[in-house]
Amino acid sequence: VMPLNANGKVDRKALPVPSVQDEDHEWEAPQGALETQLMQIWSTLLGIERIGRNDNFFELGGNSLMAVRLNARIGLELKASLPLAALFEATSLAALAQAIDDARTAGPGDQALDELDAFLDTL
């Protein structure tokens, strides 16, 4: 039963604080410099100190607006360019670090050519 206020609406202040830790996986510390840098960015955006490599950005409270901010911070702080869709596909810290590493390896020209090929295939 949801707690209600005097107006009959859900009393948000009376709701319990959601658990940050997912019970399906054990917490694992970020590995390597890239995951550690990403963890610090997530921590700032989400206001959470302890973030593991298997934690999901959206399950920790992230939303689409925060994903846009995250993508901008990745570009500025990590000097990496990712399509916004990559953040919705690689939702864990480890997966996002891998996506950034893959994008850096592929180089910006390769990604642009892949997108152009995909566009031409739709024609």
PDB file of N, CA and C in Angstrom:
ATOM      1  N   VAL A   1       0.850  -1.172   0.000  1.00  0.00           N
ATOM      2  CA  VAL A   1       0.000   0.000   0.000  1.00  0.00           C
ATOM      3  C   VAL A   1       0.894   1.233   0.000  1.00  0.00           C
ATOM      4  N   MET A   2       0.587   2.168  -0.874  1.00  0.00           N
ATOM      5  CA  MET A   2       1.358   3.394  -0.991  1.00  0.00           C
ATOM      6  C   MET A   2       0.890   4.401   0.054  1.00  0.00           C
ATOM      7  N   PRO A   3       1.830   5.095   0.695  1.00  0.00           N
ATOM      8  CA  PRO A   3       1.437   6.127   1.654  1.00  0.00           C
ATOM      9  C   PRO A   3       0.834   7.323   0.918  1.00  0.00           C
ATOM     10  N   LEU A   4      -0.263   7.824   1.443  1.00  0.00           N
ATOM     11  CA  LEU A   4      -0.955   8.937   0.808  1.00  0.00           C
ATOM     12  C   LEU A   4      -0.879  10.178   1.687  1.00  0.00           C
ATOM     13  N   ASN A   5      -0.893  11.352   1.034  1.00  0.00           N
ATOM     14  CA  ASN A   5      -0.925  12.599   1.799  1.00  0.00           C
ATOM     15  C   ASN A   5      -2.380  13.032   1.997  1.00  0.00           C
ATOM     16  N   ALA A   6      -2.601  14.189   2.571  1.00  0.00           N
ATOM     17  CA  ALA A   6      -3.953  14.657   2.879  1.00  0.00           C
ATOM     18  C   ALA A   6      -4.806  14.846   1.630  1.00  0.00           C
ATOM     19  N   ASN A   7      -4.178  15.066   0.479  1.00  0.00           N
ATOM     20  CA  ASN A   7      -4.915  15.266  -0.771  1.00  0.00           C
ATOM     21  C   ASN A   7      -5.208  13.955  -1.500  1.00  0.00           C
ATOM     22  N   GLY A   8      -4.786  12.840  -0.923  1.00  0.00           N
ATOM     23  CA  GLY A   8      -5.027  11.544  -1.536  1.00  0.00           C
ATOM     24  C   GLY A   8      -3.990  11.149  -2.579  1.00  0.00           C
ATOM     25  N   LYS A   9      -2.957  11.950  -2.699  1.00  0.00           N
ATOM     26  CA  LYS A   9      -1.887  11.631  -3.645  1.00  0.00           C
ATOM     27  C   LYS A   9      -0.783  10.863  -2.917  1.00  0.00           C
ATOM     28  N   VAL A  10       0.084  10.199  -3.699  1.00  0.00           N
ATOM     29  CA  VAL A  10       1.183   9.445  -3.111  1.00  0.00           C
ATOM     30  C   VAL A  10       2.105  10.414  -2.371  1.00  0.00           C
ATOM     31  N   ASP A  11       2.389  10.095  -1.110  1.00  0.00           N
ATOM     32  CA  ASP A  11       3.291  10.913  -0.289  1.00  0.00           C
ATOM     33  C   ASP A  11       4.710  10.454  -0.569  1.00  0.00           C
ATOM     34  N   ARG A  12       5.383  11.139  -1.482  1.00  0.00           N
ATOM     35  CA  ARG A  12       6.722  10.738  -1.918  1.00  0.00           C
ATOM     36  C   ARG A  12       7.743  10.793  -0.792  1.00  0.00           C
ATOM     37  N   LYS A  13       7.548  11.706   0.152  1.00  0.00           N
ATOM     38  CA  LYS A  13       8.493  11.825   1.263  1.00  0.00           C
ATOM     39  C   LYS A  13       8.413  10.630   2.203  1.00  0.00           C
ATOM     40  N   ALA A  14       7.285   9.950   2.215  1.00  0.00           N
ATOM     41  CA  ALA A  14       7.102   8.801   3.101  1.00  0.00           C
ATOM     42  C   ALA A  14       7.536   7.484   2.455  1.00  0.00           C
ATOM     43  N   LEU A  15       7.884   7.516   1.162  1.00  0.00           N
ATOM     44  CA  LEU A  15       8.306   6.295   0.476  1.00  0.00           C
ATOM     45  C   LEU A  15       9.690   5.874   0.958  1.00  0.00           C
ATOM     46  N   PRO A  16       9.959   4.569   1.014  1.00  0.00           N
ATOM     47  CA  PRO A  16      11.294   4.122   1.429  1.00  0.00           C
ATOM     48  C   PRO A  16      12.325   4.464   0.357  1.00  0.00           C
ATOM     49  N   VAL A  17      13.561   4.650   0.782  1.00  0.00           N
ATOM     50  CA  VAL A  17      14.657   4.935  -0.142  1.00  0.00           C
ATOM     51  C   VAL A  17      14.949   3.666  -0.931  1.00  0.00           C
ATOM     52  N   PRO A  18      14.991   3.772  -2.282  1.00  0.00           N
ATOM     53  CA  PRO A  18      15.262   2.564  -3.071  1.00  0.00           C
ATOM     54  C   PRO A  18      16.675   2.055  -2.839  1.00  0.00           C
ATOM     55  N   SER A  19      16.814   0.744  -2.935  1.00  0.00           N
ATOM     56  CA  SER A  19      18.121   0.117  -2.781  1.00  0.00           C
ATOM     57  C   SER A  19      18.935   0.364  -4.029  1.00  0.00           C
ATOM     58  N   VAL A  20      20.170   0.827  -3.850  1.00  0.00           N
ATOM     59  CA  VAL A  20      21.041   1.115  -4.981  1.00  0.00           C
ATOM     60  C   VAL A  20      21.671  -0.161  -5.508  1.00  0.00           C
ATOM     61  N   GLN A  21      21.957  -1.092  -4.647  1.00  0.00           N
ATOM     62  CA  GLN A  21      22.648  -2.315  -5.030  1.00  0.00           C
ATOM     63  C   GLN A  21      21.677  -3.342  -5.600  1.00  0.00           C
ATOM     64  N   ASP A  22      21.937  -3.827  -6.777  1.00  0.00           N
ATOM     65  CA  ASP A  22      21.149  -4.882  -7.402  1.00  0.00           C
ATOM     66  C   ASP A  22      21.523  -6.205  -6.751  1.00  0.00           C
ATOM     67  N   GLU A  23      20.531  -6.969  -6.385  1.00  0.00           N
ATOM     68  CA  GLU A  23      20.793  -8.221  -5.692  1.00  0.00           C
ATOM     69  C   GLU A  23      21.192  -9.345  -6.640  1.00  0.00           C
ATOM     70  N   ASP A  24      21.058  -9.121  -7.962  1.00  0.00           N
ATOM     71  CA  ASP A  24      21.381 -10.170  -8.924  1.00  0.00           C
ATOM     72  C   ASP A  24      22.884 -10.337  -9.138  1.00  0.00           C
ATOM     73  N   HIS A  25      23.662  -9.336  -8.791  1.00  0.00           N
ATOM     74  CA  HIS A  25      25.102  -9.458  -8.978  1.00  0.00           C
ATOM     75  C   HIS A  25      25.838  -8.898  -7.770  1.00  0.00           C
ATOM     76  N   GLU A  26      27.004  -9.434  -7.586  1.00  0.00           N
ATOM     77  CA  GLU A  26      27.847  -8.994  -6.484  1.00  0.00           C
ATOM     78  C   GLU A  26      28.613  -7.755  -6.923  1.00  0.00           C
ATOM     79  N   TRP A  27      28.846  -6.828  -5.992  1.00  0.00           N
ATOM     80  CA  TRP A  27      29.559  -5.607  -6.330  1.00  0.00           C
ATOM     81  C   TRP A  27      30.991  -5.927  -6.710  1.00  0.00           C
ATOM     82  N   GLU A  28      31.448  -5.309  -7.798  1.00  0.00           N
ATOM     83  CA  GLU A  28      32.820  -5.501  -8.262  1.00  0.00           C
ATOM     84  C   GLU A  28      33.391  -4.122  -8.578  1.00  0.00           C
ATOM     85  N   ALA A  29      34.548  -3.830  -8.044  1.00  0.00           N
ATOM     86  CA  ALA A  29      35.181  -2.519  -8.224  1.00  0.00           C
ATOM     87  C   ALA A  29      35.535  -2.284  -9.693  1.00  0.00           C
ATOM     88  N   PRO A  30      35.524  -1.020 -10.127  1.00  0.00           N
ATOM     89  CA  PRO A  30      35.956  -0.706 -11.487  1.00  0.00           C
ATOM     90  C   PRO A  30      37.394  -1.169 -11.707  1.00  0.00           C
ATOM     91  N   GLN A  31      37.673  -1.619 -12.932  1.00  0.00           N
ATOM     92  CA  GLN A  31      39.010  -2.107 -13.268  1.00  0.00           C
ATOM     93  C   GLN A  31      39.633  -1.194 -14.321  1.00  0.00           C
ATOM     94  N   GLY A  32      40.830  -0.761 -14.072  1.00  0.00           N
ATOM     95  CA  GLY A  32      41.552   0.049 -15.032  1.00  0.00           C
ATOM     96  C   GLY A  32      41.211   1.529 -14.938  1.00  0.00           C
ATOM     97  N   ALA A  33      42.020   2.308 -15.615  1.00  0.00           N
ATOM     98  CA  ALA A  33      41.886   3.762 -15.561  1.00  0.00           C
ATOM     99  C   ALA A  33      40.582   4.246 -16.198  1.00  0.00           C
ATOM    100  N   LEU A  34      40.194   3.664 -17.328  1.00  0.00           N
ATOM    101  CA  LEU A  34      38.993   4.118 -18.019  1.00  0.00           C
ATOM    102  C   LEU A  34      37.740   3.876 -17.179  1.00  0.00           C
ATOM    103  N   GLU A  35      37.601   2.681 -16.611  1.00  0.00           N
ATOM    104  CA  GLU A  35      36.441   2.395 -15.762  1.00  0.00           C
ATOM    105  C   GLU A  35      36.429   3.299 -14.535  1.00  0.00           C
ATOM    106  N   THR A  36      37.593   3.578 -13.984  1.00  0.00           N
ATOM    107  CA  THR A  36      37.676   4.458 -12.815  1.00  0.00           C
ATOM    108  C   THR A  36      37.256   5.879 -13.179  1.00  0.00           C
ATOM    109  N   GLN A  37      37.694   6.371 -14.334  1.00  0.00           N
ATOM    110  CA  GLN A  37      37.280   7.697 -14.777  1.00  0.00           C
ATOM    111  C   GLN A  37      35.778   7.749 -15.038  1.00  0.00           C
ATOM    112  N   LEU A  38      35.244   6.715 -15.667  1.00  0.00           N
ATOM    113  CA  LEU A  38      33.800   6.654 -15.912  1.00  0.00           C
ATOM    114  C   LEU A  38      33.023   6.617 -14.596  1.00  0.00           C
ATOM    115  N   MET A  39      33.537   5.854 -13.633  1.00  0.00           N
ATOM    116  CA  MET A  39      32.887   5.760 -12.328  1.00  0.00           C
ATOM    117  C   MET A  39      32.803   7.141 -11.683  1.00  0.00           C
ATOM    118  N   GLN A  40      33.853   7.931 -11.806  1.00  0.00           N
ATOM    119  CA  GLN A  40      33.849   9.268 -11.220  1.00  0.00           C
ATOM    120  C   GLN A  40      32.826  10.164 -11.911  1.00  0.00           C
ATOM    121  N   ILE A  41      32.697  10.044 -13.222  1.00  0.00           N
ATOM    122  CA  ILE A  41      31.693  10.824 -13.950  1.00  0.00           C
ATOM    123  C   ILE A  41      30.291  10.400 -13.523  1.00  0.00           C
ATOM    124  N   TRP A  42      30.044   9.085 -13.480  1.00  0.00           N
ATOM    125  CA  TRP A  42      28.743   8.582 -13.043  1.00  0.00           C
ATOM    126  C   TRP A  42      28.436   9.059 -11.637  1.00  0.00           C
ATOM    127  N   SER A  43      29.420   8.984 -10.768  1.00  0.00           N
ATOM    128  CA  SER A  43      29.238   9.372  -9.375  1.00  0.00           C
ATOM    129  C   SER A  43      28.781  10.826  -9.268  1.00  0.00           C
ATOM    130  N   THR A  44      29.406  11.688 -10.040  1.00  0.00           N
ATOM    131  CA  THR A  44      29.040  13.100 -10.038  1.00  0.00           C
ATOM    132  C   THR A  44      27.626  13.300 -10.571  1.00  0.00           C
ATOM    133  N   LEU A  45      27.309  12.661 -11.690  1.00  0.00           N
ATOM    134  CA  LEU A  45      25.990  12.832 -12.307  1.00  0.00           C
ATOM    135  C   LEU A  45      24.861  12.247 -11.460  1.00  0.00           C
ATOM    136  N   LEU A  46      25.107  11.074 -10.880  1.00  0.00           N
ATOM    137  CA  LEU A  46      24.056  10.356 -10.161  1.00  0.00           C
ATOM    138  C   LEU A  46      24.011  10.675  -8.670  1.00  0.00           C
ATOM    139  N   GLY A  47      25.089  11.271  -8.148  1.00  0.00           N
ATOM    140  CA  GLY A  47      25.143  11.562  -6.717  1.00  0.00           C
ATOM    141  C   GLY A  47      25.311  10.310  -5.872  1.00  0.00           C
ATOM    142  N   ILE A  48      25.992   9.315  -6.420  1.00  0.00           N
ATOM    143  CA  ILE A  48      26.227   8.043  -5.734  1.00  0.00           C
ATOM    144  C   ILE A  48      27.732   7.829  -5.643  1.00  0.00           C
ATOM    145  N   GLU A  49      28.213   7.463  -4.475  1.00  0.00           N
ATOM    146  CA  GLU A  49      29.652   7.288  -4.303  1.00  0.00           C
ATOM    147  C   GLU A  49      30.147   5.922  -4.753  1.00  0.00           C
ATOM    148  N   ARG A  50      29.444   4.868  -4.387  1.00  0.00           N
ATOM    149  CA  ARG A  50      29.930   3.508  -4.660  1.00  0.00           C
ATOM    150  C   ARG A  50      29.245   2.946  -5.907  1.00  0.00           C
ATOM    151  N   ILE A  51      30.010   2.882  -6.982  1.00  0.00           N
ATOM    152  CA  ILE A  51      29.493   2.364  -8.243  1.00  0.00           C
ATOM    153  C   ILE A  51      30.429   1.252  -8.696  1.00  0.00           C
ATOM    154  N   GLY A  52      29.854   0.100  -8.995  1.00  0.00           N
ATOM    155  CA  GLY A  52      30.636  -1.050  -9.438  1.00  0.00           C
ATOM    156  C   GLY A  52      30.623  -1.184 -10.946  1.00  0.00           C
ATOM    157  N   ARG A  53      31.499  -2.026 -11.436  1.00  0.00           N
ATOM    158  CA  ARG A  53      31.644  -2.174 -12.887  1.00  0.00           C
ATOM    159  C   ARG A  53      30.444  -2.852 -13.544  1.00  0.00           C
ATOM    160  N   ASN A  54      29.624  -3.555 -12.769  1.00  0.00           N
ATOM    161  CA  ASN A  54      28.452  -4.224 -13.333  1.00  0.00           C
ATOM    162  C   ASN A  54      27.160  -3.454 -13.080  1.00  0.00           C
ATOM    163  N   ASP A  55      27.256  -2.287 -12.437  1.00  0.00           N
ATOM    164  CA  ASP A  55      26.067  -1.492 -12.158  1.00  0.00           C
ATOM    165  C   ASP A  55      25.522  -0.882 -13.448  1.00  0.00           C
ATOM    166  N   ASN A  56      24.207  -0.737 -13.487  1.00  0.00           N
ATOM    167  CA  ASN A  56      23.499  -0.220 -14.651  1.00  0.00           C
ATOM    168  C   ASN A  56      23.194   1.257 -14.431  1.00  0.00           C
ATOM    169  N   PHE A  57      23.587   2.099 -15.370  1.00  0.00           N
ATOM    170  CA  PHE A  57      23.403   3.549 -15.265  1.00  0.00           C
ATOM    171  C   PHE A  57      21.941   3.907 -15.007  1.00  0.00           C
ATOM    172  N   PHE A  58      21.030   3.285 -15.711  1.00  0.00           N
ATOM    173  CA  PHE A  58      19.614   3.632 -15.602  1.00  0.00           C
ATOM    174  C   PHE A  58      18.976   3.068 -14.338  1.00  0.00           C
ATOM    175  N   GLU A  59      19.450   1.913 -13.880  1.00  0.00           N
ATOM    176  CA  GLU A  59      18.938   1.355 -12.632  1.00  0.00           C
ATOM    177  C   GLU A  59      19.419   2.154 -11.421  1.00  0.00           C
ATOM    178  N   LEU A  60      20.524   2.885 -11.575  1.00  0.00           N
ATOM    179  CA  LEU A  60      21.040   3.716 -10.490  1.00  0.00           C
ATOM    180  C   LEU A  60      20.366   5.092 -10.451  1.00  0.00           C
ATOM    181  N   GLY A  61      19.444   5.328 -11.362  1.00  0.00           N
ATOM    182  CA  GLY A  61      18.717   6.598 -11.361  1.00  0.00           C
ATOM    183  C   GLY A  61      18.961   7.457 -12.578  1.00  0.00           C
ATOM    184  N   GLY A  62      19.780   6.982 -13.507  1.00  0.00           N
ATOM    185  CA  GLY A  62      20.033   7.738 -14.730  1.00  0.00           C
ATOM    186  C   GLY A  62      18.797   7.768 -15.609  1.00  0.00           C
ATOM    187  N   ASN A  63      18.702   8.806 -16.434  1.00  0.00           N
ATOM    188  CA  ASN A  63      17.591   8.928 -17.374  1.00  0.00           C
ATOM    189  C   ASN A  63      18.148   9.455 -18.690  1.00  0.00           C
ATOM    190  N   SER A  64      17.293   9.704 -19.655  1.00  0.00           N
ATOM    191  CA  SER A  64      17.774  10.109 -20.973  1.00  0.00           C
ATOM    192  C   SER A  64      18.492  11.460 -20.941  1.00  0.00           C
ATOM    193  N   LEU A  65      18.020  12.390 -20.126  1.00  0.00           N
ATOM    194  CA  LEU A  65      18.691  13.690 -20.022  1.00  0.00           C
ATOM    195  C   LEU A  65      20.083  13.526 -19.410  1.00  0.00           C
ATOM    196  N   MET A  66      20.178  12.684 -18.379  1.00  0.00           N
ATOM    197  CA  MET A  66      21.492  12.413 -17.785  1.00  0.00           C
ATOM    198  C   MET A  66      22.401  11.695 -18.779  1.00  0.00           C
ATOM    199  N   ALA A  67      21.824  10.862 -19.645  1.00  0.00           N
ATOM    200  CA  ALA A  67      22.630  10.167 -20.660  1.00  0.00           C
ATOM    201  C   ALA A  67      23.248  11.173 -21.630  1.00  0.00           C
ATOM    202  N   VAL A  68      22.497  12.215 -21.966  1.00  0.00           N
ATOM    203  CA  VAL A  68      23.032  13.261 -22.840  1.00  0.00           C
ATOM    204  C   VAL A  68      24.181  13.981 -22.128  1.00  0.00           C
ATOM    205  N   ARG A  69      23.979  14.294 -20.850  1.00  0.00           N
ATOM    206  CA  ARG A  69      25.041  14.939 -20.062  1.00  0.00           C
ATOM    207  C   ARG A  69      26.254  14.025 -19.933  1.00  0.00           C
ATOM    208  N   LEU A  70      26.005  12.715 -19.730  1.00  0.00           N
ATOM    209  CA  LEU A  70      27.091  11.742 -19.638  1.00  0.00           C
ATOM    210  C   LEU A  70      27.887  11.706 -20.936  1.00  0.00           C
ATOM    211  N   ASN A  71      27.186  11.703 -22.053  1.00  0.00           N
ATOM    212  CA  ASN A  71      27.858  11.658 -23.346  1.00  0.00           C
ATOM    213  C   ASN A  71      28.728  12.901 -23.557  1.00  0.00           C
ATOM    214  N   ALA A  72      28.233  14.051 -23.131  1.00  0.00           N
ATOM    215  CA  ALA A  72      29.018  15.290 -23.247  1.00  0.00           C
ATOM    216  C   ALA A  72      30.271  15.222 -22.371  1.00  0.00           C
ATOM    217  N   ARG A  73      30.116  14.716 -21.154  1.00  0.00           N
ATOM    218  CA  ARG A  73      31.262  14.599 -20.237  1.00  0.00           C
ATOM    219  C   ARG A  73      32.286  13.598 -20.765  1.00  0.00           C
ATOM    220  N   ILE A  74      31.821  12.515 -21.384  1.00  0.00           N
ATOM    221  CA  ILE A  74      32.731  11.541 -21.985  1.00  0.00           C
ATOM    222  C   ILE A  74      33.551  12.217 -23.084  1.00  0.00           C
ATOM    223  N   GLY A  75      32.888  13.037 -23.880  1.00  0.00           N
ATOM    224  CA  GLY A  75      33.591  13.755 -24.940  1.00  0.00           C
ATOM    225  C   GLY A  75      34.618  14.727 -24.391  1.00  0.00           C
ATOM    226  N   LEU A  76      34.241  15.487 -23.362  1.00  0.00           N
ATOM    227  CA  LEU A  76      35.130  16.496 -22.797  1.00  0.00           C
ATOM    228  C   LEU A  76      36.262  15.899 -21.968  1.00  0.00           C
ATOM    229  N   GLU A  77      35.928  14.997 -21.067  1.00  0.00           N
ATOM    230  CA  GLU A  77      36.904  14.489 -20.101  1.00  0.00           C
ATOM    231  C   GLU A  77      37.707  13.298 -20.609  1.00  0.00           C
ATOM    232  N   LEU A  78      37.078  12.468 -21.420  1.00  0.00           N
ATOM    233  CA  LEU A  78      37.759  11.260 -21.883  1.00  0.00           C
ATOM    234  C   LEU A  78      38.198  11.359 -23.341  1.00  0.00           C
ATOM    235  N   LYS A  79      37.845  12.475 -23.976  1.00  0.00           N
ATOM    236  CA  LYS A  79      38.223  12.702 -25.377  1.00  0.00           C
ATOM    237  C   LYS A  79      37.790  11.545 -26.268  1.00  0.00           C
ATOM    238  N   ALA A  80      36.540  11.122 -26.063  1.00  0.00           N
ATOM    239  CA  ALA A  80      35.992  10.017 -26.848  1.00  0.00           C
ATOM    240  C   ALA A  80      34.643  10.438 -27.414  1.00  0.00           C
ATOM    241  N   SER A  81      34.359   9.996 -28.608  1.00  0.00           N
ATOM    242  CA  SER A  81      33.104  10.328 -29.265  1.00  0.00           C
ATOM    243  C   SER A  81      32.290   9.056 -29.456  1.00  0.00           C
ATOM    244  N   LEU A  82      31.105   9.056 -28.862  1.00  0.00           N
ATOM    245  CA  LEU A  82      30.194   7.914 -28.984  1.00  0.00           C
ATOM    246  C   LEU A  82      28.842   8.410 -29.462  1.00  0.00           C
ATOM    247  N   PRO A  83      28.160   7.629 -30.280  1.00  0.00           N
ATOM    248  CA  PRO A  83      26.773   7.996 -30.581  1.00  0.00           C
ATOM    249  C   PRO A  83      25.942   7.819 -29.304  1.00  0.00           C
ATOM    250  N   LEU A  84      24.949   8.654 -29.129  1.00  0.00           N
ATOM    251  CA  LEU A  84      24.131   8.597 -27.920  1.00  0.00           C
ATOM    252  C   LEU A  84      23.502   7.211 -27.741  1.00  0.00           C
ATOM    253  N   ALA A  85      23.163   6.567 -28.836  1.00  0.00           N
ATOM    254  CA  ALA A  85      22.559   5.232 -28.768  1.00  0.00           C
ATOM    255  C   ALA A  85      23.461   4.237 -28.047  1.00  0.00           C
ATOM    256  N   ALA A  86      24.779   4.441 -28.107  1.00  0.00           N
ATOM    257  CA  ALA A  86      25.714   3.522 -27.450  1.00  0.00           C
ATOM    258  C   ALA A  86      25.507   3.504 -25.945  1.00  0.00           C
ATOM    259  N   LEU A  87      25.079   4.632 -25.363  1.00  0.00           N
ATOM    260  CA  LEU A  87      24.859   4.688 -23.921  1.00  0.00           C
ATOM    261  C   LEU A  87      23.626   3.893 -23.505  1.00  0.00           C
ATOM    262  N   PHE A  88      22.682   3.750 -24.420  1.00  0.00           N
ATOM    263  CA  PHE A  88      21.477   2.969 -24.130  1.00  0.00           C
ATOM    264  C   PHE A  88      21.701   1.485 -24.395  1.00  0.00           C
ATOM    265  N   GLU A  89      22.744   1.158 -25.144  1.00  0.00           N
ATOM    266  CA  GLU A  89      23.074  -0.243 -25.419  1.00  0.00           C
ATOM    267  C   GLU A  89      24.083  -0.777 -24.402  1.00  0.00           C
ATOM    268  N   ALA A  90      25.044   0.034 -24.041  1.00  0.00           N
ATOM    269  CA  ALA A  90      26.083  -0.358 -23.079  1.00  0.00           C
ATOM    270  C   ALA A  90      25.770   0.320 -21.755  1.00  0.00           C
ATOM    271  N   THR A  91      24.880  -0.282 -20.976  1.00  0.00           N
ATOM    272  CA  THR A  91      24.361   0.391 -19.784  1.00  0.00           C
ATOM    273  C   THR A  91      25.195   0.161 -18.531  1.00  0.00           C
ATOM    274  N   SER A  92      26.049  -0.858 -18.526  1.00  0.00           N
ATOM    275  CA  SER A  92      26.893  -1.077 -17.350  1.00  0.00           C
ATOM    276  C   SER A  92      28.195  -0.307 -17.510  1.00  0.00           C
ATOM    277  N   LEU A  93      28.847  -0.056 -16.404  1.00  0.00           N
ATOM    278  CA  LEU A  93      30.117   0.671 -16.421  1.00  0.00           C
ATOM    279  C   LEU A  93      31.141  -0.055 -17.283  1.00  0.00           C
ATOM    280  N   ALA A  94      31.257  -1.373 -17.119  1.00  0.00           N
ATOM    281  CA  ALA A  94      32.222  -2.162 -17.879  1.00  0.00           C
ATOM    282  C   ALA A  94      31.893  -2.153 -19.371  1.00  0.00           C
ATOM    283  N   ALA A  95      30.617  -2.298 -19.706  1.00  0.00           N
ATOM    284  CA  ALA A  95      30.215  -2.312 -21.115  1.00  0.00           C
ATOM    285  C   ALA A  95      30.460  -0.962 -21.770  1.00  0.00           C
ATOM    286  N   LEU A  96      30.189   0.119 -21.042  1.00  0.00           N
ATOM    287  CA  LEU A  96      30.418   1.454 -21.595  1.00  0.00           C
ATOM    288  C   LEU A  96      31.912   1.711 -21.794  1.00  0.00           C
ATOM    289  N   ALA A  97      32.724   1.279 -20.846  1.00  0.00           N
ATOM    290  CA  ALA A  97      34.176   1.416 -20.996  1.00  0.00           C
ATOM    291  C   ALA A  97      34.656   0.660 -22.231  1.00  0.00           C
ATOM    292  N   GLN A  98      34.112  -0.526 -22.458  1.00  0.00           N
ATOM    293  CA  GLN A  98      34.474  -1.319 -23.635  1.00  0.00           C
ATOM    294  C   GLN A  98      34.035  -0.612 -24.917  1.00  0.00           C
ATOM    295  N   ALA A  99      32.846  -0.013 -24.911  1.00  0.00           N
ATOM    296  CA  ALA A  99      32.349   0.713 -26.081  1.00  0.00           C
ATOM    297  C   ALA A  99      33.247   1.913 -26.398  1.00  0.00           C
ATOM    298  N   ILE A 100      33.695   2.610 -25.351  1.00  0.00           N
ATOM    299  CA  ILE A 100      34.600   3.749 -25.547  1.00  0.00           C
ATOM    300  C   ILE A 100      35.926   3.265 -26.108  1.00  0.00           C
ATOM    301  N   ASP A 101      36.435   2.176 -25.551  1.00  0.00           N
ATOM    302  CA  ASP A 101      37.698   1.618 -26.025  1.00  0.00           C
ATOM    303  C   ASP A 101      37.580   1.183 -27.485  1.00  0.00           C
ATOM    304  N   ASP A 102      36.468   0.553 -27.839  1.00  0.00           N
ATOM    305  CA  ASP A 102      36.246   0.130 -29.225  1.00  0.00           C
ATOM    306  C   ASP A 102      36.167   1.333 -30.160  1.00  0.00           C
ATOM    307  N   ALA A 103      35.491   2.403 -29.715  1.00  0.00           N
ATOM    308  CA  ALA A 103      35.360   3.607 -30.542  1.00  0.00           C
ATOM    309  C   ALA A 103      36.718   4.267 -30.754  1.00  0.00           C
ATOM    310  N   ARG A 104      37.528   4.260 -29.714  1.00  0.00           N
ATOM    311  CA  ARG A 104      38.873   4.836 -29.838  1.00  0.00           C
ATOM    312  C   ARG A 104      39.725   4.013 -30.802  1.00  0.00           C
ATOM    313  N   THR A 105      39.588   2.701 -30.750  1.00  0.00           N
ATOM    314  CA  THR A 105      40.353   1.812 -31.618  1.00  0.00           C
ATOM    315  C   THR A 105      39.920   1.962 -33.075  1.00  0.00           C
ATOM    316  N   ALA A 106      38.594   2.065 -33.275  1.00  0.00           N
ATOM    317  CA  ALA A 106      38.069   2.183 -34.629  1.00  0.00           C
ATOM    318  C   ALA A 106      38.439   3.515 -35.258  1.00  0.00           C
ATOM    319  N   GLY A 107      38.519   4.559 -34.441  1.00  0.00           N
ATOM    320  CA  GLY A 107      38.839   5.884 -34.961  1.00  0.00           C
ATOM    321  C   GLY A 107      37.594   6.554 -35.500  1.00  0.00           C
ATOM    322  N   PRO A 108      37.586   7.871 -35.539  1.00  0.00           N
ATOM    323  CA  PRO A 108      36.390   8.591 -35.962  1.00  0.00           C
ATOM    324  C   PRO A 108      36.047   8.377 -37.422  1.00  0.00           C
ATOM    325  N   GLY A 109      37.040   8.191 -38.276  1.00  0.00           N
ATOM    326  CA  GLY A 109      36.770   7.993 -39.696  1.00  0.00           C
ATOM    327  C   GLY A 109      36.041   6.692 -39.963  1.00  0.00           C
ATOM    328  N   ASP A 110      36.429   5.627 -39.285  1.00  0.00           N
ATOM    329  CA  ASP A 110      35.794   4.329 -39.480  1.00  0.00           C
ATOM    330  C   ASP A 110      34.332   4.365 -39.082  1.00  0.00           C
ATOM    331  N   GLN A 111      34.020   5.029 -37.984  1.00  0.00           N
ATOM    332  CA  GLN A 111      32.637   5.112 -37.511  1.00  0.00           C
ATOM    333  C   GLN A 111      31.799   5.898 -38.512  1.00  0.00           C
ATOM    334  N   ALA A 112      32.317   6.998 -39.024  1.00  0.00           N
ATOM    335  CA  ALA A 112      31.586   7.807 -39.990  1.00  0.00           C
ATOM    336  C   ALA A 112      31.326   7.012 -41.267  1.00  0.00           C
ATOM    337  N   LEU A 113      32.321   6.237 -41.709  1.00  0.00           N
ATOM    338  CA  LEU A 113      32.135   5.411 -42.897  1.00  0.00           C
ATOM    339  C   LEU A 113      31.101   4.320 -42.662  1.00  0.00           C
ATOM    340  N   ASP A 114      31.106   3.723 -41.487  1.00  0.00           N
ATOM    341  CA  ASP A 114      30.113   2.702 -41.165  1.00  0.00           C
ATOM    342  C   ASP A 114      28.703   3.287 -41.182  1.00  0.00           C
ATOM    343  N   GLU A 115      28.546   4.483 -40.612  1.00  0.00           N
ATOM    344  CA  GLU A 115      27.232   5.139 -40.600  1.00  0.00           C
ATOM    345  C   GLU A 115      26.794   5.490 -42.017  1.00  0.00           C
ATOM    346  N   LEU A 116      27.729   5.949 -42.848  1.00  0.00           N
ATOM    347  CA  LEU A 116      27.416   6.274 -44.234  1.00  0.00           C
ATOM    348  C   LEU A 116      27.017   5.024 -44.995  1.00  0.00           C
ATOM    349  N   ASP A 117      27.740   3.919 -44.803  1.00  0.00           N
ATOM    350  CA  ASP A 117      27.377   2.655 -45.454  1.00  0.00           C
ATOM    351  C   ASP A 117      25.998   2.200 -45.039  1.00  0.00           C
ATOM    352  N   ALA A 118      25.688   2.301 -43.751  1.00  0.00           N
ATOM    353  CA  ALA A 118      24.376   1.907 -43.262  1.00  0.00           C
ATOM    354  C   ALA A 118      23.284   2.770 -43.882  1.00  0.00           C
ATOM    355  N   PHE A 119      23.536   4.064 -44.006  1.00  0.00           N
ATOM    356  CA  PHE A 119      22.568   4.968 -44.616  1.00  0.00           C
ATOM    357  C   PHE A 119      22.358   4.619 -46.077  1.00  0.00           C
ATOM    358  N   LEU A 120      23.454   4.362 -46.800  1.00  0.00           N
ATOM    359  CA  LEU A 120      23.341   4.027 -48.214  1.00  0.00           C
ATOM    360  C   LEU A 120      22.610   2.702 -48.422  1.00  0.00           C
ATOM    361  N   ASP A 121      22.759   1.776 -47.485  1.00  0.00           N
ATOM    362  CA  ASP A 121      22.052   0.506 -47.585  1.00  0.00           C
ATOM    363  C   ASP A 121      20.547   0.681 -47.466  1.00  0.00           C
ATOM    364  N   THR A 122      20.109   1.716 -46.739  1.00  0.00           N
ATOM    365  CA  THR A 122      18.671   1.958 -46.587  1.00  0.00           C
ATOM    366  C   THR A 122      18.060   2.548 -47.846  1.00  0.00           C
ATOM    367  N   LEU A 123      18.892   3.135 -48.718  1.00  0.00           N
ATOM    368  CA  LEU A 123      18.373   3.746 -49.957  1.00  0.00           C
ATOM    369  C   LEU A 123      18.102   2.718 -50.967  1.00  0.00           C
TER     370      LEU A 123
END
